[in-house]
N, C-alpha and C. Protein backbone atom coordinates (compact mmCIF):
# COMPACT_ATOMS: atom_id res chain seq x y z
N MET A 1 0.84 -1.18 0.00
CA MET A 1 0.00 0.00 0.00
C MET A 1 0.88 1.24 0.00
N GLU A 2 0.57 2.17 -0.87
CA GLU A 2 1.36 3.39 -0.99
C GLU A 2 0.81 4.46 -0.05
N ASP A 3 1.71 5.17 0.62
CA ASP A 3 1.29 6.25 1.53
C ASP A 3 0.94 7.49 0.73
N ALA A 4 -0.15 8.13 1.12
CA ALA A 4 -0.56 9.38 0.49
C ALA A 4 0.17 10.54 1.16
N LEU A 5 0.45 11.57 0.41
CA LEU A 5 1.10 12.75 0.96
C LEU A 5 0.06 13.72 1.51
N VAL A 6 0.42 14.40 2.57
CA VAL A 6 -0.46 15.38 3.18
C VAL A 6 0.13 16.76 2.93
N THR A 7 -0.73 17.71 2.60
CA THR A 7 -0.28 19.07 2.35
C THR A 7 -0.57 19.94 3.56
N ILE A 8 0.43 20.72 3.97
CA ILE A 8 0.23 21.71 5.03
C ILE A 8 0.77 23.04 4.54
N LYS A 9 0.25 24.11 5.09
CA LYS A 9 0.71 25.45 4.71
C LYS A 9 2.03 25.74 5.39
N PHE A 10 2.93 26.38 4.65
CA PHE A 10 4.23 26.73 5.21
C PHE A 10 4.06 27.65 6.41
N ALA A 11 3.12 28.57 6.35
CA ALA A 11 2.89 29.51 7.46
C ALA A 11 2.50 28.75 8.73
N ASP A 12 1.70 27.69 8.60
CA ASP A 12 1.33 26.88 9.76
C ASP A 12 2.53 26.13 10.31
N LEU A 13 3.37 25.59 9.43
CA LEU A 13 4.58 24.89 9.85
C LEU A 13 5.53 25.85 10.54
N LEU A 14 5.69 27.04 10.00
CA LEU A 14 6.56 28.05 10.61
C LEU A 14 6.04 28.48 11.98
N ARG A 15 4.73 28.63 12.09
CA ARG A 15 4.11 29.00 13.37
C ARG A 15 4.38 27.90 14.42
N ALA A 16 4.28 26.64 14.03
CA ALA A 16 4.56 25.53 14.95
C ALA A 16 6.05 25.51 15.33
N PHE A 17 6.92 25.76 14.36
CA PHE A 17 8.35 25.81 14.63
C PHE A 17 8.68 26.92 15.61
N ASP A 18 8.10 28.10 15.41
CA ASP A 18 8.32 29.22 16.31
C ASP A 18 7.80 28.91 17.71
N PHE A 19 6.65 28.26 17.80
CA PHE A 19 6.08 27.90 19.09
C PHE A 19 7.02 26.98 19.86
N VAL A 20 7.55 25.97 19.17
CA VAL A 20 8.44 25.01 19.81
C VAL A 20 9.78 25.66 20.19
N SER A 21 10.23 26.59 19.38
CA SER A 21 11.53 27.23 19.61
C SER A 21 11.50 28.26 20.73
N PHE A 22 10.34 28.77 21.05
CA PHE A 22 10.19 29.78 22.09
C PHE A 22 10.16 29.08 23.45
N GLY A 23 10.97 29.52 24.37
CA GLY A 23 10.95 28.92 25.71
C GLY A 23 12.03 27.88 25.89
N ALA A 24 11.95 27.18 26.99
CA ALA A 24 12.96 26.19 27.36
C ALA A 24 12.88 24.95 26.46
N GLN A 25 13.99 24.25 26.36
CA GLN A 25 14.06 23.05 25.55
C GLN A 25 13.11 21.98 26.07
N PHE A 26 12.36 21.36 25.18
CA PHE A 26 11.40 20.29 25.46
C PHE A 26 10.20 20.75 26.29
N GLU A 27 10.02 22.05 26.46
CA GLU A 27 8.89 22.58 27.22
C GLU A 27 7.61 22.58 26.36
N SER A 28 7.79 22.82 25.07
CA SER A 28 6.67 22.86 24.12
C SER A 28 6.96 21.93 22.96
N ARG A 29 5.89 21.33 22.43
CA ARG A 29 6.03 20.38 21.34
C ARG A 29 4.95 20.63 20.29
N ALA A 30 5.26 20.27 19.05
CA ALA A 30 4.29 20.35 17.97
C ALA A 30 4.31 19.04 17.20
N PHE A 31 3.14 18.55 16.84
CA PHE A 31 3.00 17.29 16.13
C PHE A 31 2.17 17.52 14.87
N ILE A 32 2.56 16.87 13.79
CA ILE A 32 1.80 16.95 12.54
C ILE A 32 1.15 15.59 12.31
N CYS A 33 -0.16 15.59 12.15
CA CYS A 33 -0.89 14.35 11.85
C CYS A 33 -0.63 13.99 10.39
N VAL A 34 -0.04 12.83 10.16
CA VAL A 34 0.29 12.42 8.80
C VAL A 34 -0.95 11.98 8.01
N ASP A 35 -2.08 11.83 8.68
CA ASP A 35 -3.31 11.46 7.99
C ASP A 35 -4.09 12.68 7.52
N THR A 36 -4.11 13.75 8.34
CA THR A 36 -4.93 14.92 8.02
C THR A 36 -4.14 16.19 7.77
N GLY A 37 -2.89 16.24 8.23
CA GLY A 37 -2.10 17.46 8.10
C GLY A 37 -2.33 18.45 9.23
N ALA A 38 -3.16 18.08 10.18
CA ALA A 38 -3.43 18.96 11.33
C ALA A 38 -2.17 19.07 12.19
N ILE A 39 -1.93 20.26 12.71
CA ILE A 39 -0.79 20.49 13.59
C ILE A 39 -1.31 20.70 15.00
N TYR A 40 -0.79 19.91 15.93
CA TYR A 40 -1.19 20.00 17.33
C TYR A 40 0.00 20.50 18.15
N CYS A 41 -0.24 21.51 18.97
CA CYS A 41 0.80 22.05 19.83
C CYS A 41 0.46 21.74 21.28
N THR A 42 1.46 21.32 22.03
CA THR A 42 1.29 21.05 23.45
C THR A 42 2.41 21.72 24.22
N SER A 43 2.17 21.97 25.49
CA SER A 43 3.17 22.63 26.33
C SER A 43 3.02 22.15 27.76
N ASP A 44 4.14 22.11 28.46
CA ASP A 44 4.13 21.76 29.88
C ASP A 44 3.71 22.94 30.75
N VAL A 45 3.79 24.16 30.21
CA VAL A 45 3.52 25.35 31.02
C VAL A 45 2.29 26.14 30.56
N LEU A 46 1.83 25.92 29.34
CA LEU A 46 0.68 26.66 28.81
C LEU A 46 -0.54 25.77 28.70
N GLU A 47 -1.71 26.34 28.94
CA GLU A 47 -2.99 25.63 28.78
C GLU A 47 -3.58 26.00 27.43
N PHE A 48 -4.14 25.01 26.73
CA PHE A 48 -4.78 25.22 25.45
C PHE A 48 -6.22 24.75 25.50
N ASP A 49 -7.09 25.45 24.78
CA ASP A 49 -8.48 25.03 24.65
C ASP A 49 -8.64 23.95 23.58
N GLU A 50 -7.64 23.83 22.72
CA GLU A 50 -7.68 22.90 21.59
C GLU A 50 -7.64 21.44 22.07
N GLU A 51 -8.51 20.64 21.50
CA GLU A 51 -8.53 19.20 21.79
C GLU A 51 -7.41 18.52 20.99
N VAL A 52 -6.66 17.65 21.64
CA VAL A 52 -5.61 16.89 20.96
C VAL A 52 -5.91 15.40 21.13
N PRO A 53 -5.50 14.59 20.18
CA PRO A 53 -5.73 13.15 20.31
C PRO A 53 -5.08 12.60 21.59
N GLN A 54 -5.72 11.65 22.21
CA GLN A 54 -5.23 11.10 23.47
C GLN A 54 -3.88 10.39 23.31
N ASP A 55 -3.64 9.78 22.15
CA ASP A 55 -2.39 9.06 21.92
C ASP A 55 -1.35 9.90 21.19
N LEU A 56 -1.49 11.21 21.26
CA LEU A 56 -0.64 12.12 20.49
C LEU A 56 0.85 11.88 20.71
N GLU A 57 1.28 11.76 21.93
CA GLU A 57 2.71 11.65 22.21
C GLU A 57 3.23 10.23 22.24
N ILE A 58 2.35 9.24 22.12
CA ILE A 58 2.81 7.85 22.15
C ILE A 58 2.53 7.10 20.84
N SER A 59 1.81 7.72 19.93
CA SER A 59 1.47 7.06 18.66
C SER A 59 2.71 6.90 17.79
N ASP A 60 2.77 5.84 17.01
CA ASP A 60 3.87 5.66 16.09
C ASP A 60 3.61 6.37 14.76
N ARG A 61 2.49 7.00 14.65
CA ARG A 61 2.15 7.78 13.46
C ARG A 61 2.52 9.20 13.70
C-alpha cells in the first residue's frame, strides 16, 4: 500500500516551529498528523483550549 502525501501550509509549519523554539528546551512540542495534516501544539507550562488526540505523544504515526 502506498502512503498518500499530506499538504500543510508553510505559514502553519513556521508557526509551529516558532512555538516550539520559544521557551525552554522540550517545554513545548508540535505534532503533525500524517493522515490529516493537522498540527497539534502542546506545552508543559501553557494551557490550550484545543482538543488533541489522546495518543498524540505515544502514537507511532
